[in-house]
Amino acid sequence: MRHITYSDKDLFVDDAAADWLVRYAAALAGTGGADSVTLRAVGVDGNEVEVTLVLGPHTDLVSETASATVALPGNDEAIAYMRAEVEKIESPPRVHPAHPPVSESEASVVDEI
């Protein structure tokens, strides 16, 4: 279990969700991009909440271990989304030209037209 502090909110989330949240926030900061992620969490009052966090270059986010023993909701969809987005940032798809390169002889024909 991890204790997340975001702005002035304190939340408890599962380890995987916290780890991917921090990794995604760092990846976005490196690109100057921004996104939002919705997580299911437990607030400090013990109630289950759904929270949407805006991540960007200036996100203040802290993740620390917690020893509380509360049942945490799952975040499988959010984790899958963040994992896919981090992969896009860290390993972007290769760009292929729409048309094959033109040879010098083909280029001279085009110049003549």
PDB file of N, CA and C in Angstrom:
ATOM      1  N   MET A   1       0.840  -1.169   0.000  1.00  0.00           N
ATOM      2  CA  MET A   1       0.000   0.000   0.000  1.00  0.00           C
ATOM      3  C   MET A   1       0.885   1.232   0.000  1.00  0.00           C
ATOM      4  N   ARG A   2       0.432   2.234  -0.750  1.00  0.00           N
ATOM      5  CA  ARG A   2       1.193   3.482  -0.840  1.00  0.00           C
ATOM      6  C   ARG A   2       0.296   4.649  -0.427  1.00  0.00           C
ATOM      7  N   HIS A   3       0.910   5.611   0.212  1.00  0.00           N
ATOM      8  CA  HIS A   3       0.250   6.864   0.595  1.00  0.00           C
ATOM      9  C   HIS A   3       0.645   7.898  -0.449  1.00  0.00           C
ATOM     10  N   ILE A   4      -0.342   8.405  -1.177  1.00  0.00           N
ATOM     11  CA  ILE A   4      -0.108   9.406  -2.219  1.00  0.00           C
ATOM     12  C   ILE A   4      -0.528  10.771  -1.693  1.00  0.00           C
ATOM     13  N   THR A   5       0.329  11.743  -1.867  1.00  0.00           N
ATOM     14  CA  THR A   5      -0.037  13.130  -1.577  1.00  0.00           C
ATOM     15  C   THR A   5      -0.009  13.875  -2.901  1.00  0.00           C
ATOM     16  N   TYR A   6      -1.139  14.467  -3.226  1.00  0.00           N
ATOM     17  CA  TYR A   6      -1.298  15.214  -4.476  1.00  0.00           C
ATOM     18  C   TYR A   6      -1.986  16.516  -4.114  1.00  0.00           C
ATOM     19  N   SER A   7      -1.330  17.626  -4.378  1.00  0.00           N
ATOM     20  CA  SER A   7      -1.836  18.926  -3.956  1.00  0.00           C
ATOM     21  C   SER A   7      -2.027  18.860  -2.440  1.00  0.00           C
ATOM     22  N   ASP A   8      -3.231  19.068  -1.936  1.00  0.00           N
ATOM     23  CA  ASP A   8      -3.443  18.971  -0.491  1.00  0.00           C
ATOM     24  C   ASP A   8      -4.263  17.739  -0.124  1.00  0.00           C
ATOM     25  N   LYS A   9      -4.320  16.746  -1.023  1.00  0.00           N
ATOM     26  CA  LYS A   9      -5.081  15.521  -0.797  1.00  0.00           C
ATOM     27  C   LYS A   9      -4.160  14.368  -0.435  1.00  0.00           C
ATOM     28  N   ASP A  10      -4.602  13.548   0.503  1.00  0.00           N
ATOM     29  CA  ASP A  10      -3.891  12.344   0.897  1.00  0.00           C
ATOM     30  C   ASP A  10      -4.767  11.148   0.572  1.00  0.00           C
ATOM     31  N   LEU A  11      -4.173  10.170  -0.122  1.00  0.00           N
ATOM     32  CA  LEU A  11      -4.912   9.004  -0.580  1.00  0.00           C
ATOM     33  C   LEU A  11      -4.081   7.753  -0.376  1.00  0.00           C
ATOM     34  N   PHE A  12      -4.766   6.618  -0.268  1.00  0.00           N
ATOM     35  CA  PHE A  12      -4.104   5.325  -0.207  1.00  0.00           C
ATOM     36  C   PHE A  12      -4.486   4.537  -1.454  1.00  0.00           C
ATOM     37  N   VAL A  13      -3.472   4.024  -2.144  1.00  0.00           N
ATOM     38  CA  VAL A  13      -3.692   3.215  -3.345  1.00  0.00           C
ATOM     39  C   VAL A  13      -2.781   1.997  -3.277  1.00  0.00           C
ATOM     40  N   ASP A  14      -3.065   1.028  -4.145  1.00  0.00           N
ATOM     41  CA  ASP A  14      -2.224  -0.162  -4.197  1.00  0.00           C
ATOM     42  C   ASP A  14      -0.843   0.194  -4.750  1.00  0.00           C
ATOM     43  N   ASP A  15       0.132  -0.637  -4.456  1.00  0.00           N
ATOM     44  CA  ASP A  15       1.523  -0.378  -4.853  1.00  0.00           C
ATOM     45  C   ASP A  15       1.682  -0.193  -6.355  1.00  0.00           C
ATOM     46  N   ALA A  16       1.062  -1.071  -7.147  1.00  0.00           N
ATOM     47  CA  ALA A  16       1.228  -0.993  -8.604  1.00  0.00           C
ATOM     48  C   ALA A  16       0.679   0.319  -9.155  1.00  0.00           C
ATOM     49  N   ALA A  17      -0.479   0.735  -8.681  1.00  0.00           N
ATOM     50  CA  ALA A  17      -1.065   1.993  -9.162  1.00  0.00           C
ATOM     51  C   ALA A  17      -0.170   3.172  -8.808  1.00  0.00           C
ATOM     52  N   ALA A  18       0.363   3.179  -7.602  1.00  0.00           N
ATOM     53  CA  ALA A  18       1.249   4.274  -7.182  1.00  0.00           C
ATOM     54  C   ALA A  18       2.527   4.285  -8.003  1.00  0.00           C
ATOM     55  N   ASP A  19       3.107   3.112  -8.212  1.00  0.00           N
ATOM     56  CA  ASP A  19       4.352   3.040  -8.985  1.00  0.00           C
ATOM     57  C   ASP A  19       4.150   3.543 -10.412  1.00  0.00           C
ATOM     58  N   TRP A  20       3.074   3.097 -11.066  1.00  0.00           N
ATOM     59  CA  TRP A  20       2.825   3.538 -12.448  1.00  0.00           C
ATOM     60  C   TRP A  20       2.431   5.006 -12.503  1.00  0.00           C
ATOM     61  N   LEU A  21       1.744   5.503 -11.482  1.00  0.00           N
ATOM     62  CA  LEU A  21       1.384   6.921 -11.443  1.00  0.00           C
ATOM     63  C   LEU A  21       2.647   7.788 -11.407  1.00  0.00           C
ATOM     64  N   VAL A  22       3.585   7.437 -10.556  1.00  0.00           N
ATOM     65  CA  VAL A  22       4.839   8.198 -10.452  1.00  0.00           C
ATOM     66  C   VAL A  22       5.637   8.076 -11.747  1.00  0.00           C
ATOM     67  N   ARG A  23       5.704   6.869 -12.287  1.00  0.00           N
ATOM     68  CA  ARG A  23       6.467   6.672 -13.533  1.00  0.00           C
ATOM     69  C   ARG A  23       5.838   7.452 -14.682  1.00  0.00           C
ATOM     70  N   TYR A  24       4.503   7.444 -14.773  1.00  0.00           N
ATOM     71  CA  TYR A  24       3.822   8.170 -15.845  1.00  0.00           C
ATOM     72  C   TYR A  24       3.993   9.674 -15.666  1.00  0.00           C
ATOM     73  N   ALA A  25       3.883  10.155 -14.440  1.00  0.00           N
ATOM     74  CA  ALA A  25       4.080  11.585 -14.186  1.00  0.00           C
ATOM     75  C   ALA A  25       5.478  12.019 -14.591  1.00  0.00           C
ATOM     76  N   ALA A  26       6.478  11.209 -14.278  1.00  0.00           N
ATOM     77  CA  ALA A  26       7.859  11.538 -14.646  1.00  0.00           C
ATOM     78  C   ALA A  26       8.039  11.516 -16.163  1.00  0.00           C
ATOM     79  N   ALA A  27       7.442  10.534 -16.820  1.00  0.00           N
ATOM     80  CA  ALA A  27       7.558  10.445 -18.279  1.00  0.00           C
ATOM     81  C   ALA A  27       6.907  11.651 -18.949  1.00  0.00           C
ATOM     82  N   LEU A  28       5.723  12.033 -18.471  1.00  0.00           N
ATOM     83  CA  LEU A  28       5.047  13.206 -19.034  1.00  0.00           C
ATOM     84  C   LEU A  28       5.858  14.474 -18.805  1.00  0.00           C
ATOM     85  N   ALA A  29       6.423  14.598 -17.621  1.00  0.00           N
ATOM     86  CA  ALA A  29       7.214  15.793 -17.311  1.00  0.00           C
ATOM     87  C   ALA A  29       8.388  15.914 -18.267  1.00  0.00           C
ATOM     88  N   GLY A  30       8.963  14.786 -18.639  1.00  0.00           N
ATOM     89  CA  GLY A  30      10.088  14.797 -19.559  1.00  0.00           C
ATOM     90  C   GLY A  30       9.724  15.273 -20.953  1.00  0.00           C
ATOM     91  N   THR A  31       8.462  15.130 -21.328  1.00  0.00           N
ATOM     92  CA  THR A  31       8.019  15.567 -22.649  1.00  0.00           C
ATOM     93  C   THR A  31       7.363  16.937 -22.624  1.00  0.00           C
ATOM     94  N   GLY A  32       7.053  17.436 -21.422  1.00  0.00           N
ATOM     95  CA  GLY A  32       6.315  18.685 -21.310  1.00  0.00           C
ATOM     96  C   GLY A  32       4.823  18.478 -21.533  1.00  0.00           C
ATOM     97  N   GLY A  33       4.403  17.230 -21.637  1.00  0.00           N
ATOM     98  CA  GLY A  33       2.993  16.908 -21.888  1.00  0.00           C
ATOM     99  C   GLY A  33       2.177  16.870 -20.610  1.00  0.00           C
ATOM    100  N   ALA A  34       0.889  16.641 -20.786  1.00  0.00           N
ATOM    101  CA  ALA A  34      -0.021  16.554 -19.651  1.00  0.00           C
ATOM    102  C   ALA A  34      -1.112  15.543 -19.967  1.00  0.00           C
ATOM    103  N   ASP A  35      -1.708  15.005 -18.935  1.00  0.00           N
ATOM    104  CA  ASP A  35      -2.799  14.047 -19.078  1.00  0.00           C
ATOM    105  C   ASP A  35      -3.510  13.967 -17.733  1.00  0.00           C
ATOM    106  N   SER A  36      -4.633  13.284 -17.716  1.00  0.00           N
ATOM    107  CA  SER A  36      -5.319  13.026 -16.460  1.00  0.00           C
ATOM    108  C   SER A  36      -5.504  11.528 -16.308  1.00  0.00           C
ATOM    109  N   VAL A  37      -5.478  11.074 -15.065  1.00  0.00           N
ATOM    110  CA  VAL A  37      -5.640   9.662 -14.743  1.00  0.00           C
ATOM    111  C   VAL A  37      -6.630   9.565 -13.590  1.00  0.00           C
ATOM    112  N   THR A  38      -7.579   8.653 -13.721  1.00  0.00           N
ATOM    113  CA  THR A  38      -8.548   8.435 -12.660  1.00  0.00           C
ATOM    114  C   THR A  38      -8.216   7.142 -11.941  1.00  0.00           C
ATOM    115  N   LEU A  39      -8.055   7.238 -10.629  1.00  0.00           N
ATOM    116  CA  LEU A  39      -7.743   6.087  -9.782  1.00  0.00           C
ATOM    117  C   LEU A  39      -8.825   5.886  -8.747  1.00  0.00           C
ATOM    118  N   ARG A  40      -8.985   4.643  -8.355  1.00  0.00           N
ATOM    119  CA  ARG A  40      -9.820   4.313  -7.204  1.00  0.00           C
ATOM    120  C   ARG A  40      -8.890   4.237  -6.004  1.00  0.00           C
ATOM    121  N   ALA A  41      -9.263   4.885  -4.927  1.00  0.00           N
ATOM    122  CA  ALA A  41      -8.390   4.986  -3.765  1.00  0.00           C
ATOM    123  C   ALA A  41      -9.218   4.974  -2.492  1.00  0.00           C
ATOM    124  N   VAL A  42      -8.532   5.044  -1.369  1.00  0.00           N
ATOM    125  CA  VAL A  42      -9.164   5.204  -0.065  1.00  0.00           C
ATOM    126  C   VAL A  42      -8.648   6.505   0.516  1.00  0.00           C
ATOM    127  N   GLY A  43      -9.578   7.367   0.925  1.00  0.00           N
ATOM    128  CA  GLY A  43      -9.197   8.636   1.534  1.00  0.00           C
ATOM    129  C   GLY A  43      -8.759   8.440   2.969  1.00  0.00           C
ATOM    130  N   VAL A  44      -8.226   9.489   3.583  1.00  0.00           N
ATOM    131  CA  VAL A  44      -7.759   9.388   4.962  1.00  0.00           C
ATOM    132  C   VAL A  44      -8.894   9.121   5.933  1.00  0.00           C
ATOM    133  N   ASP A  45     -10.135   9.397   5.506  1.00  0.00           N
ATOM    134  CA  ASP A  45     -11.287   9.107   6.355  1.00  0.00           C
ATOM    135  C   ASP A  45     -11.743   7.654   6.251  1.00  0.00           C
ATOM    136  N   GLY A  46     -11.064   6.868   5.407  1.00  0.00           N
ATOM    137  CA  GLY A  46     -11.401   5.460   5.259  1.00  0.00           C
ATOM    138  C   GLY A  46     -12.427   5.150   4.192  1.00  0.00           C
ATOM    139  N   ASN A  47     -12.945   6.188   3.532  1.00  0.00           N
ATOM    140  CA  ASN A  47     -13.940   5.985   2.490  1.00  0.00           C
ATOM    141  C   ASN A  47     -13.282   5.764   1.138  1.00  0.00           C
ATOM    142  N   GLU A  48     -13.901   4.879   0.341  1.00  0.00           N
ATOM    143  CA  GLU A  48     -13.418   4.656  -1.015  1.00  0.00           C
ATOM    144  C   GLU A  48     -13.805   5.848  -1.868  1.00  0.00           C
ATOM    145  N   VAL A  49     -12.853   6.318  -2.686  1.00  0.00           N
ATOM    146  CA  VAL A  49     -13.082   7.471  -3.549  1.00  0.00           C
ATOM    147  C   VAL A  49     -12.563   7.172  -4.947  1.00  0.00           C
ATOM    148  N   GLU A  50     -13.061   7.908  -5.907  1.00  0.00           N
ATOM    149  CA  GLU A  50     -12.514   7.900  -7.255  1.00  0.00           C
ATOM    150  C   GLU A  50     -11.949   9.287  -7.476  1.00  0.00           C
ATOM    151  N   VAL A  51     -10.679   9.354  -7.795  1.00  0.00           N
ATOM    152  CA  VAL A  51      -9.999  10.636  -7.897  1.00  0.00           C
ATOM    153  C   VAL A  51      -9.349  10.768  -9.269  1.00  0.00           C
ATOM    154  N   THR A  52      -9.506  11.930  -9.872  1.00  0.00           N
ATOM    155  CA  THR A  52      -8.858  12.214 -11.145  1.00  0.00           C
ATOM    156  C   THR A  52      -7.699  13.164 -10.884  1.00  0.00           C
ATOM    157  N   LEU A  53      -6.516  12.725 -11.276  1.00  0.00           N
ATOM    158  CA  LEU A  53      -5.306  13.500 -11.058  1.00  0.00           C
ATOM    159  C   LEU A  53      -4.814  14.047 -12.392  1.00  0.00           C
ATOM    160  N   VAL A  54      -4.522  15.327 -12.430  1.00  0.00           N
ATOM    161  CA  VAL A  54      -3.957  15.942 -13.630  1.00  0.00           C
ATOM    162  C   VAL A  54      -2.443  15.884 -13.484  1.00  0.00           C
ATOM    163  N   LEU A  55      -1.799  15.265 -14.477  1.00  0.00           N
ATOM    164  CA  LEU A  55      -0.353  15.112 -14.457  1.00  0.00           C
ATOM    165  C   LEU A  55       0.262  15.989 -15.533  1.00  0.00           C
ATOM    166  N   GLY A  56       1.343  16.662 -15.197  1.00  0.00           N
ATOM    167  CA  GLY A  56       2.017  17.522 -16.162  1.00  0.00           C
ATOM    168  C   GLY A  56       3.403  17.866 -15.669  1.00  0.00           C
ATOM    169  N   PRO A  57       4.054  18.801 -16.351  1.00  0.00           N
ATOM    170  CA  PRO A  57       5.434  19.137 -16.008  1.00  0.00           C
ATOM    171  C   PRO A  57       5.621  19.681 -14.593  1.00  0.00           C
ATOM    172  N   HIS A  58       4.587  20.230 -14.003  1.00  0.00           N
ATOM    173  CA  HIS A  58       4.732  20.849 -12.675  1.00  0.00           C
ATOM    174  C   HIS A  58       3.898  20.129 -11.617  1.00  0.00           C
ATOM    175  N   THR A  59       3.627  18.847 -11.829  1.00  0.00           N
ATOM    176  CA  THR A  59       2.838  18.070 -10.881  1.00  0.00           C
ATOM    177  C   THR A  59       3.626  17.853  -9.598  1.00  0.00           C
ATOM    178  N   ASP A  60       2.988  18.172  -8.471  1.00  0.00           N
ATOM    179  CA  ASP A  60       3.568  17.881  -7.159  1.00  0.00           C
ATOM    180  C   ASP A  60       2.913  16.604  -6.657  1.00  0.00           C
ATOM    181  N   LEU A  61       3.677  15.535  -6.645  1.00  0.00           N
ATOM    182  CA  LEU A  61       3.155  14.218  -6.316  1.00  0.00           C
ATOM    183  C   LEU A  61       4.176  13.501  -5.453  1.00  0.00           C
ATOM    184  N   VAL A  62       3.712  12.936  -4.339  1.00  0.00           N
ATOM    185  CA  VAL A  62       4.591  12.181  -3.451  1.00  0.00           C
ATOM    186  C   VAL A  62       3.955  10.813  -3.235  1.00  0.00           C
ATOM    187  N   SER A  63       4.773   9.764  -3.308  1.00  0.00           N
ATOM    188  CA  SER A  63       4.327   8.403  -3.036  1.00  0.00           C
ATOM    189  C   SER A  63       5.235   7.827  -1.960  1.00  0.00           C
ATOM    190  N   GLU A  64       4.647   7.382  -0.871  1.00  0.00           N
ATOM    191  CA  GLU A  64       5.437   6.806   0.208  1.00  0.00           C
ATOM    192  C   GLU A  64       4.762   5.545   0.727  1.00  0.00           C
ATOM    193  N   THR A  65       5.547   4.677   1.331  1.00  0.00           N
ATOM    194  CA  THR A  65       4.985   3.443   1.861  1.00  0.00           C
ATOM    195  C   THR A  65       4.032   3.767   3.007  1.00  0.00           C
ATOM    196  N   ALA A  66       3.064   2.871   3.174  1.00  0.00           N
ATOM    197  CA  ALA A  66       2.093   3.018   4.261  1.00  0.00           C
ATOM    198  C   ALA A  66       1.839   1.645   4.857  1.00  0.00           C
ATOM    199  N   SER A  67       1.617   1.601   6.143  1.00  0.00           N
ATOM    200  CA  SER A  67       1.396   0.320   6.802  1.00  0.00           C
ATOM    201  C   SER A  67      -0.052   0.132   7.239  1.00  0.00           C
ATOM    202  N   ALA A  68      -0.926   0.997   6.806  1.00  0.00           N
ATOM    203  CA  ALA A  68      -2.345   0.868   7.162  1.00  0.00           C
ATOM    204  C   ALA A  68      -2.879  -0.451   6.620  1.00  0.00           C
ATOM    205  N   THR A  69      -3.890  -0.971   7.252  1.00  0.00           N
ATOM    206  CA  THR A  69      -4.475  -2.245   6.821  1.00  0.00           C
ATOM    207  C   THR A  69      -5.926  -2.034   6.425  1.00  0.00           C
ATOM    208  N   VAL A  70      -6.107  -1.450   5.275  1.00  0.00           N
ATOM    209  CA  VAL A  70      -7.461  -1.256   4.734  1.00  0.00           C
ATOM    210  C   VAL A  70      -7.531  -1.971   3.389  1.00  0.00           C
ATOM    211  N   ALA A  71      -8.725  -2.396   3.033  1.00  0.00           N
ATOM    212  CA  ALA A  71      -8.920  -3.034   1.730  1.00  0.00           C
ATOM    213  C   ALA A  71      -8.889  -1.951   0.654  1.00  0.00           C
ATOM    214  N   LEU A  72      -8.053  -2.154  -0.332  1.00  0.00           N
ATOM    215  CA  LEU A  72      -7.900  -1.161  -1.395  1.00  0.00           C
ATOM    216  C   LEU A  72      -8.630  -1.609  -2.656  1.00  0.00           C
ATOM    217  N   PRO A  73      -9.285  -0.679  -3.339  1.00  0.00           N
ATOM    218  CA  PRO A  73      -9.921  -1.018  -4.611  1.00  0.00           C
ATOM    219  C   PRO A  73      -8.858  -1.229  -5.684  1.00  0.00           C
ATOM    220  N   GLY A  74      -9.187  -2.016  -6.693  1.00  0.00           N
ATOM    221  CA  GLY A  74      -8.251  -2.278  -7.773  1.00  0.00           C
ATOM    222  C   GLY A  74      -8.201  -1.149  -8.779  1.00  0.00           C
ATOM    223  N   ASN A  75      -7.111  -1.088  -9.502  1.00  0.00           N
ATOM    224  CA  ASN A  75      -6.891  -0.053 -10.524  1.00  0.00           C
ATOM    225  C   ASN A  75      -6.338  -0.646 -11.814  1.00  0.00           C
ATOM    226  N   ASP A  76      -6.794  -1.856 -12.148  1.00  0.00           N
ATOM    227  CA  ASP A  76      -6.245  -2.553 -13.317  1.00  0.00           C
ATOM    228  C   ASP A  76      -6.354  -1.742 -14.603  1.00  0.00           C
ATOM    229  N   GLU A  77      -7.499  -1.104 -14.845  1.00  0.00           N
ATOM    230  CA  GLU A  77      -7.675  -0.323 -16.081  1.00  0.00           C
ATOM    231  C   GLU A  77      -6.744   0.879 -16.114  1.00  0.00           C
ATOM    232  N   ALA A  78      -6.644   1.583 -15.002  1.00  0.00           N
ATOM    233  CA  ALA A  78      -5.766   2.759 -14.948  1.00  0.00           C
ATOM    234  C   ALA A  78      -4.310   2.350 -15.105  1.00  0.00           C
ATOM    235  N   ILE A  79      -3.927   1.229 -14.500  1.00  0.00           N
ATOM    236  CA  ILE A  79      -2.552   0.754 -14.618  1.00  0.00           C
ATOM    237  C   ILE A  79      -2.243   0.391 -16.064  1.00  0.00           C
ATOM    238  N   ALA A  80      -3.161  -0.317 -16.722  1.00  0.00           N
ATOM    239  CA  ALA A  80      -2.956  -0.684 -18.128  1.00  0.00           C
ATOM    240  C   ALA A  80      -2.820   0.562 -18.996  1.00  0.00           C
ATOM    241  N   TYR A  81      -3.644   1.578 -18.727  1.00  0.00           N
ATOM    242  CA  TYR A  81      -3.573   2.829 -19.492  1.00  0.00           C
ATOM    243  C   TYR A  81      -2.216   3.510 -19.285  1.00  0.00           C
ATOM    244  N   MET A  82      -1.799   3.657 -18.011  1.00  0.00           N
ATOM    245  CA  MET A  82      -0.531   4.338 -17.735  1.00  0.00           C
ATOM    246  C   MET A  82       0.642   3.563 -18.312  1.00  0.00           C
ATOM    247  N   ARG A  83       0.611   2.250 -18.216  1.00  0.00           N
ATOM    248  CA  ARG A  83       1.683   1.420 -18.767  1.00  0.00           C
ATOM    249  C   ARG A  83       1.803   1.638 -20.279  1.00  0.00           C
ATOM    250  N   ALA A  84       0.669   1.650 -20.972  1.00  0.00           N
ATOM    251  CA  ALA A  84       0.675   1.858 -22.429  1.00  0.00           C
ATOM    252  C   ALA A  84       1.187   3.246 -22.792  1.00  0.00           C
ATOM    253  N   GLU A  85       0.787   4.250 -22.028  1.00  0.00           N
ATOM    254  CA  GLU A  85       1.227   5.618 -22.304  1.00  0.00           C
ATOM    255  C   GLU A  85       2.720   5.786 -22.043  1.00  0.00           C
ATOM    256  N   VAL A  86       3.221   5.187 -20.979  1.00  0.00           N
ATOM    257  CA  VAL A  86       4.655   5.252 -20.687  1.00  0.00           C
ATOM    258  C   VAL A  86       5.430   4.568 -21.802  1.00  0.00           C
ATOM    259  N   GLU A  87       4.929   3.441 -22.275  1.00  0.00           N
ATOM    260  CA  GLU A  87       5.605   2.732 -23.368  1.00  0.00           C
ATOM    261  C   GLU A  87       5.666   3.593 -24.622  1.00  0.00           C
ATOM    262  N   LYS A  88       4.580   4.321 -24.923  1.00  0.00           N
ATOM    263  CA  LYS A  88       4.584   5.217 -26.086  1.00  0.00           C
ATOM    264  C   LYS A  88       5.642   6.309 -25.945  1.00  0.00           C
ATOM    265  N   ILE A  89       5.786   6.830 -24.727  1.00  0.00           N
ATOM    266  CA  ILE A  89       6.752   7.905 -24.489  1.00  0.00           C
ATOM    267  C   ILE A  89       8.181   7.367 -24.525  1.00  0.00           C
ATOM    268  N   GLU A  90       8.412   6.245 -23.865  1.00  0.00           N
ATOM    269  CA  GLU A  90       9.766   5.709 -23.760  1.00  0.00           C
ATOM    270  C   GLU A  90      10.227   4.982 -25.021  1.00  0.00           C
ATOM    271  N   SER A  91       9.288   4.435 -25.786  1.00  0.00           N
ATOM    272  CA  SER A  91       9.619   3.703 -27.012  1.00  0.00           C
ATOM    273  C   SER A  91       8.630   4.077 -28.109  1.00  0.00           C
ATOM    274  N   PRO A  92       8.738   5.295 -28.624  1.00  0.00           N
ATOM    275  CA  PRO A  92       7.755   5.738 -29.628  1.00  0.00           C
ATOM    276  C   PRO A  92       7.844   4.875 -30.889  1.00  0.00           C
ATOM    277  N   PRO A  93       6.725   4.744 -31.602  1.00  0.00           N
ATOM    278  CA  PRO A  93       6.763   3.957 -32.834  1.00  0.00           C
ATOM    279  C   PRO A  93       7.676   4.616 -33.862  1.00  0.00           C
ATOM    280  N   ARG A  94       8.281   3.788 -34.705  1.00  0.00           N
ATOM    281  CA  ARG A  94       9.160   4.321 -35.748  1.00  0.00           C
ATOM    282  C   ARG A  94       8.325   5.004 -36.814  1.00  0.00           C
ATOM    283  N   VAL A  95       8.846   6.055 -37.359  1.00  0.00           N
ATOM    284  CA  VAL A  95       8.176   6.790 -38.425  1.00  0.00           C
ATOM    285  C   VAL A  95       8.711   6.269 -39.750  1.00  0.00           C
ATOM    286  N   HIS A  96       7.797   5.927 -40.648  1.00  0.00           N
ATOM    287  CA  HIS A  96       8.175   5.449 -41.977  1.00  0.00           C
ATOM    288  C   HIS A  96       7.678   6.452 -43.009  1.00  0.00           C
ATOM    289  N   PRO A  97       8.468   6.721 -44.044  1.00  0.00           N
ATOM    290  CA  PRO A  97       8.021   7.668 -45.068  1.00  0.00           C
ATOM    291  C   PRO A  97       6.784   7.131 -45.788  1.00  0.00           C
ATOM    292  N   ALA A  98       5.907   8.027 -46.193  1.00  0.00           N
ATOM    293  CA  ALA A  98       4.696   7.639 -46.914  1.00  0.00           C
ATOM    294  C   ALA A  98       5.036   7.094 -48.293  1.00  0.00           C
ATOM    295  N   HIS A  99       6.107   7.591 -48.872  1.00  0.00           N
ATOM    296  CA  HIS A  99       6.545   7.150 -50.202  1.00  0.00           C
ATOM    297  C   HIS A  99       8.003   6.743 -50.111  1.00  0.00           C
ATOM    298  N   PRO A 100       8.407   5.743 -50.909  1.00  0.00           N
ATOM    299  CA  PRO A 100       9.819   5.356 -50.875  1.00  0.00           C
ATOM    300  C   PRO A 100      10.700   6.500 -51.385  1.00  0.00           C
ATOM    301  N   PRO A 101      11.951   6.530 -50.964  1.00  0.00           N
ATOM    302  CA  PRO A 101      12.853   7.594 -51.426  1.00  0.00           C
ATOM    303  C   PRO A 101      12.982   7.585 -52.951  1.00  0.00           C
ATOM    304  N   VAL A 102      13.172   8.761 -53.494  1.00  0.00           N
ATOM    305  CA  VAL A 102      13.308   8.925 -54.947  1.00  0.00           C
ATOM    306  C   VAL A 102      14.787   8.809 -55.301  1.00  0.00           C
ATOM    307  N   SER A 103      15.074   7.997 -56.339  1.00  0.00           N
ATOM    308  CA  SER A 103      16.466   7.863 -56.780  1.00  0.00           C
ATOM    309  C   SER A 103      16.895   9.135 -57.503  1.00  0.00           C
ATOM    310  N   GLU A 104      18.194   9.305 -57.697  1.00  0.00           N
ATOM    311  CA  GLU A 104      18.707  10.500 -58.387  1.00  0.00           C
ATOM    312  C   GLU A 104      18.177  10.589 -59.806  1.00  0.00           C
ATOM    313  N   SER A 105      18.076   9.454 -60.517  1.00  0.00           N
ATOM    314  CA  SER A 105      17.583   9.497 -61.904  1.00  0.00           C
ATOM    315  C   SER A 105      16.108   9.895 -61.942  1.00  0.00           C
ATOM    316  N   GLU A 106      15.327   9.436 -60.973  1.00  0.00           N
ATOM    317  CA  GLU A 106      13.915   9.811 -60.906  1.00  0.00           C
ATOM    318  C   GLU A 106      13.785  11.288 -60.539  1.00  0.00           C
ATOM    319  N   ALA A 107      14.656  11.770 -59.679  1.00  0.00           N
ATOM    320  CA  ALA A 107      14.617  13.168 -59.287  1.00  0.00           C
ATOM    321  C   ALA A 107      14.926  14.076 -60.464  1.00  0.00           C
ATOM    322  N   SER A 108      15.868  13.674 -61.345  1.00  0.00           N
ATOM    323  CA  SER A 108      16.205  14.515 -62.500  1.00  0.00           C
ATOM    324  C   SER A 108      15.029  14.583 -63.471  1.00  0.00           C
ATOM    325  N   VAL A 109      14.254  13.507 -63.601  1.00  0.00           N
ATOM    326  CA  VAL A 109      13.073  13.508 -64.452  1.00  0.00           C
ATOM    327  C   VAL A 109      12.037  14.486 -63.907  1.00  0.00           C
ATOM    328  N   VAL A 110      11.866  14.468 -62.593  1.00  0.00           N
ATOM    329  CA  VAL A 110      10.909  15.380 -61.956  1.00  0.00           C
ATOM    330  C   VAL A 110      11.360  16.816 -62.148  1.00  0.00           C
ATOM    331  N   ASP A 111      12.676  17.077 -62.033  1.00  0.00           N
ATOM    332  CA  ASP A 111      13.195  18.433 -62.230  1.00  0.00           C
ATOM    333  C   ASP A 111      12.945  18.930 -63.639  1.00  0.00           C
ATOM    334  N   GLU A 112      12.975  18.051 -64.622  1.00  0.00           N
ATOM    335  CA  GLU A 112      12.779  18.437 -66.005  1.00  0.00           C
ATOM    336  C   GLU A 112      11.334  18.793 -66.303  1.00  0.00           C
ATOM    337  N   ILE A 113      10.409  18.317 -65.497  1.00  0.00           N
ATOM    338  CA  ILE A 113       8.990  18.559 -65.775  1.00  0.00           C
ATOM    339  C   ILE A 113       8.588  19.909 -65.326  1.00  0.00           C
TER     340      ILE A 113
END
